[in-house]
C-alpha cells in the first residue's frame, strides 16, 4: 500500500475537528490525483489546458492553473514546453 504524505501545520490540525480534518485530507488527496492525471495529459497529448482542466474534474481553469503552479512550480502551459 502506498502512503501519501500531507503537510498540514500542527497549529492548523490542532484547531480542526476530526470531520473537517478528514474533509481537508480527502480534498487534498483528490486534487493531488487530479493534478497527476493533468500532468500526464500535458505530457502525452496536445489537448488544450482548458479541456485538461475539465477532463480532470476542475470546473474552474483559473483554480486549476493556481493549484498546478503550486504543485509543479509553473503554470500548465509552461510545464508542457
N, C-alpha and C. Protein backbone atom coordinates (compact mmCIF):
# COMPACT_ATOMS: atom_id res chain seq x y z
N UNK A 1 0.84 -1.18 0.00
CA UNK A 1 0.00 0.00 0.00
C UNK A 1 0.89 1.25 0.00
N UNK A 2 0.57 2.19 -0.85
CA UNK A 2 1.33 3.44 -0.91
C UNK A 2 0.80 4.42 0.12
N UNK A 3 1.72 5.12 0.75
CA UNK A 3 1.34 6.15 1.70
C UNK A 3 1.60 7.51 1.07
N UNK A 4 0.73 8.43 1.33
CA UNK A 4 0.88 9.78 0.81
C UNK A 4 1.10 10.70 1.99
N UNK A 5 2.11 11.54 1.91
CA UNK A 5 2.40 12.48 2.97
C UNK A 5 1.68 13.78 2.68
N UNK A 6 0.90 14.23 3.62
CA UNK A 6 0.21 15.50 3.51
C UNK A 6 0.76 16.42 4.58
N UNK A 7 1.17 17.59 4.18
CA UNK A 7 1.83 18.50 5.11
C UNK A 7 0.85 19.55 5.63
N UNK A 8 0.26 19.26 6.76
CA UNK A 8 -0.60 20.21 7.44
C UNK A 8 0.14 20.70 8.67
N UNK A 9 0.25 22.01 8.86
CA UNK A 9 0.90 22.52 10.07
C UNK A 9 0.17 22.05 11.33
N UNK A 10 0.92 21.72 12.37
CA UNK A 10 0.31 21.23 13.60
C UNK A 10 -0.67 22.24 14.19
N UNK A 11 -0.35 23.52 14.09
CA UNK A 11 -1.26 24.53 14.63
C UNK A 11 -2.60 24.50 13.91
N UNK A 12 -2.59 24.18 12.62
CA UNK A 12 -3.84 24.08 11.87
C UNK A 12 -4.62 22.85 12.29
N UNK A 13 -3.94 21.71 12.39
CA UNK A 13 -4.64 20.48 12.73
C UNK A 13 -5.16 20.50 14.16
N UNK A 14 -4.51 21.23 15.05
CA UNK A 14 -4.99 21.34 16.42
C UNK A 14 -6.33 22.06 16.51
N UNK A 15 -6.59 22.96 15.56
CA UNK A 15 -7.83 23.74 15.58
C UNK A 15 -8.97 23.06 14.82
N UNK A 16 -8.67 22.00 14.10
CA UNK A 16 -9.68 21.37 13.25
C UNK A 16 -10.38 20.23 13.98
N UNK A 17 -11.64 20.06 13.66
CA UNK A 17 -12.37 18.91 14.17
C UNK A 17 -11.96 17.70 13.34
N UNK A 18 -12.11 16.50 13.86
CA UNK A 18 -11.77 15.33 13.06
C UNK A 18 -12.50 15.29 11.71
N UNK A 19 -13.74 15.73 11.71
CA UNK A 19 -14.52 15.74 10.47
C UNK A 19 -13.95 16.71 9.44
N UNK A 20 -13.62 17.93 9.88
CA UNK A 20 -13.08 18.90 8.93
C UNK A 20 -11.66 18.53 8.50
N UNK A 21 -10.90 17.90 9.39
CA UNK A 21 -9.56 17.43 9.02
C UNK A 21 -9.67 16.35 7.96
N UNK A 22 -10.60 15.42 8.14
CA UNK A 22 -10.81 14.36 7.17
C UNK A 22 -11.22 14.94 5.82
N UNK A 23 -12.09 15.93 5.82
CA UNK A 23 -12.51 16.59 4.59
C UNK A 23 -11.32 17.24 3.89
N UNK A 24 -10.47 17.92 4.64
CA UNK A 24 -9.29 18.57 4.07
C UNK A 24 -8.32 17.55 3.48
N UNK A 25 -8.09 16.47 4.21
CA UNK A 25 -7.17 15.43 3.74
C UNK A 25 -7.72 14.80 2.47
N UNK A 26 -9.00 14.50 2.46
CA UNK A 26 -9.64 13.90 1.29
C UNK A 26 -9.55 14.82 0.09
N UNK A 27 -9.86 16.09 0.29
CA UNK A 27 -9.81 17.06 -0.81
C UNK A 27 -8.39 17.20 -1.35
N UNK A 28 -7.40 17.25 -0.47
CA UNK A 28 -6.01 17.37 -0.91
C UNK A 28 -5.59 16.12 -1.69
N UNK A 29 -5.98 14.95 -1.22
CA UNK A 29 -5.65 13.71 -1.92
C UNK A 29 -6.27 13.69 -3.32
N UNK A 30 -7.54 14.04 -3.41
CA UNK A 30 -8.23 14.04 -4.71
C UNK A 30 -7.57 15.04 -5.66
N UNK A 31 -7.28 16.24 -5.17
CA UNK A 31 -6.63 17.24 -6.02
C UNK A 31 -5.25 16.76 -6.49
N UNK A 32 -4.52 16.09 -5.61
CA UNK A 32 -3.20 15.57 -5.98
C UNK A 32 -3.33 14.56 -7.11
N UNK A 33 -4.29 13.66 -7.02
CA UNK A 33 -4.52 12.66 -8.06
C UNK A 33 -4.96 13.32 -9.36
N UNK A 34 -5.83 14.31 -9.27
CA UNK A 34 -6.28 15.03 -10.48
C UNK A 34 -5.12 15.74 -11.15
N UNK A 35 -4.26 16.36 -10.36
CA UNK A 35 -3.10 17.07 -10.92
C UNK A 35 -2.12 16.09 -11.55
N UNK A 36 -1.96 14.92 -10.98
CA UNK A 36 -1.09 13.91 -11.58
C UNK A 36 -1.62 13.48 -12.94
N UNK A 37 -2.93 13.31 -13.04
CA UNK A 37 -3.55 12.95 -14.32
C UNK A 37 -3.39 14.11 -15.31
N UNK A 38 -3.56 15.34 -14.85
CA UNK A 38 -3.38 16.50 -15.72
C UNK A 38 -1.95 16.56 -16.23
N UNK A 39 -0.99 16.29 -15.36
CA UNK A 39 0.42 16.28 -15.77
C UNK A 39 0.64 15.24 -16.88
N UNK A 40 0.06 14.08 -16.72
CA UNK A 40 0.18 13.02 -17.72
C UNK A 40 -0.42 13.48 -19.06
N UNK A 41 -1.59 14.10 -19.01
CA UNK A 41 -2.23 14.57 -20.24
C UNK A 41 -1.43 15.69 -20.90
N UNK A 42 -0.83 16.56 -20.10
CA UNK A 42 0.00 17.62 -20.67
C UNK A 42 1.21 17.03 -21.40
N UNK A 43 1.77 15.97 -20.86
CA UNK A 43 2.94 15.34 -21.47
C UNK A 43 2.59 14.53 -22.72
N UNK A 44 1.45 13.86 -22.69
CA UNK A 44 1.14 12.87 -23.73
C UNK A 44 0.17 13.34 -24.81
N UNK A 45 -0.46 14.50 -24.61
CA UNK A 45 -1.44 14.96 -25.60
C UNK A 45 -1.18 16.42 -25.95
N UNK A 46 -1.86 16.88 -26.98
CA UNK A 46 -1.83 18.30 -27.33
C UNK A 46 -3.16 18.96 -27.00
N UNK A 47 -3.92 18.32 -26.11
CA UNK A 47 -5.22 18.82 -25.68
C UNK A 47 -5.05 20.20 -25.02
N UNK A 48 -5.94 21.15 -25.31
CA UNK A 48 -5.87 22.46 -24.66
C UNK A 48 -5.97 22.35 -23.13
N UNK A 49 -5.30 23.26 -22.45
CA UNK A 49 -5.28 23.26 -20.99
C UNK A 49 -6.71 23.31 -20.42
N UNK A 50 -7.58 24.10 -21.02
CA UNK A 50 -8.97 24.19 -20.53
C UNK A 50 -9.66 22.83 -20.59
N UNK A 51 -9.40 22.06 -21.64
CA UNK A 51 -10.00 20.73 -21.77
C UNK A 51 -9.41 19.76 -20.73
N UNK A 52 -8.11 19.86 -20.51
CA UNK A 52 -7.46 19.02 -19.50
C UNK A 52 -8.02 19.35 -18.12
N UNK A 53 -8.19 20.63 -17.86
CA UNK A 53 -8.76 21.07 -16.59
C UNK A 53 -10.13 20.44 -16.38
N UNK A 54 -10.98 20.55 -17.37
CA UNK A 54 -12.34 19.99 -17.26
C UNK A 54 -12.30 18.46 -17.17
N UNK A 55 -11.46 17.84 -17.97
CA UNK A 55 -11.38 16.38 -18.01
C UNK A 55 -10.89 15.79 -16.69
N UNK A 56 -10.09 16.55 -15.96
CA UNK A 56 -9.57 16.06 -14.68
C UNK A 56 -10.41 16.52 -13.48
N UNK A 57 -11.56 17.11 -13.76
CA UNK A 57 -12.51 17.41 -12.70
C UNK A 57 -12.46 18.81 -12.12
N UNK A 58 -11.70 19.70 -12.75
CA UNK A 58 -11.65 21.09 -12.29
C UNK A 58 -12.62 21.92 -13.13
N UNK A 59 -13.61 22.50 -12.48
CA UNK A 59 -14.61 23.29 -13.19
C UNK A 59 -14.13 24.69 -13.50
N UNK A 60 -13.09 25.13 -12.83
CA UNK A 60 -12.59 26.49 -12.98
C UNK A 60 -11.13 26.42 -13.43
N UNK A 61 -10.85 26.90 -14.63
CA UNK A 61 -9.49 26.83 -15.18
C UNK A 61 -8.51 27.66 -14.36
N UNK A 62 -8.95 28.80 -13.87
CA UNK A 62 -8.08 29.64 -13.05
C UNK A 62 -7.65 28.91 -11.78
N UNK A 63 -8.59 28.24 -11.15
CA UNK A 63 -8.29 27.45 -9.95
C UNK A 63 -7.33 26.31 -10.29
N UNK A 64 -7.59 25.63 -11.41
CA UNK A 64 -6.70 24.57 -11.86
C UNK A 64 -5.29 25.09 -12.08
N UNK A 65 -5.16 26.23 -12.77
CA UNK A 65 -3.84 26.82 -13.01
C UNK A 65 -3.12 27.14 -11.70
N UNK A 66 -3.86 27.69 -10.74
CA UNK A 66 -3.27 28.05 -9.45
C UNK A 66 -2.76 26.81 -8.71
N UNK A 67 -3.58 25.76 -8.67
CA UNK A 67 -3.16 24.53 -8.00
C UNK A 67 -1.99 23.87 -8.72
N UNK A 68 -2.04 23.85 -10.04
CA UNK A 68 -0.97 23.24 -10.81
C UNK A 68 0.35 23.97 -10.57
N UNK A 69 0.30 25.29 -10.59
CA UNK A 69 1.51 26.08 -10.36
C UNK A 69 2.05 25.84 -8.95
N UNK A 70 1.19 25.75 -7.97
CA UNK A 70 1.62 25.49 -6.59
C UNK A 70 2.28 24.11 -6.49
N UNK A 71 1.77 23.14 -7.23
CA UNK A 71 2.30 21.77 -7.15
C UNK A 71 3.56 21.57 -7.98
N UNK A 72 3.65 22.22 -9.14
CA UNK A 72 4.73 21.94 -10.08
C UNK A 72 5.67 23.13 -10.33
N UNK A 73 5.38 24.26 -9.70
CA UNK A 73 6.28 25.41 -9.80
C UNK A 73 6.13 26.25 -11.05
N UNK A 74 5.18 25.90 -11.90
CA UNK A 74 4.93 26.68 -13.12
C UNK A 74 3.52 26.37 -13.62
N UNK A 75 2.95 27.29 -14.39
CA UNK A 75 1.61 27.04 -14.94
C UNK A 75 1.64 25.88 -15.95
N UNK A 76 0.49 25.28 -16.21
CA UNK A 76 0.44 24.13 -17.11
C UNK A 76 1.01 24.41 -18.51
N UNK A 77 0.77 25.56 -19.06
CA UNK A 77 1.30 25.86 -20.42
C UNK A 77 2.81 25.85 -20.45
N UNK A 78 3.42 26.42 -19.42
CA UNK A 78 4.89 26.40 -19.36
C UNK A 78 5.40 24.98 -19.12
N UNK A 79 4.71 24.24 -18.29
CA UNK A 79 5.12 22.87 -17.98
C UNK A 79 5.16 22.01 -19.25
N UNK A 80 4.23 22.26 -20.12
CA UNK A 80 4.12 21.47 -21.34
C UNK A 80 5.32 21.69 -22.27
N UNK A 81 5.93 22.86 -22.24
CA UNK A 81 7.02 23.19 -23.18
C UNK A 81 8.24 22.34 -22.99
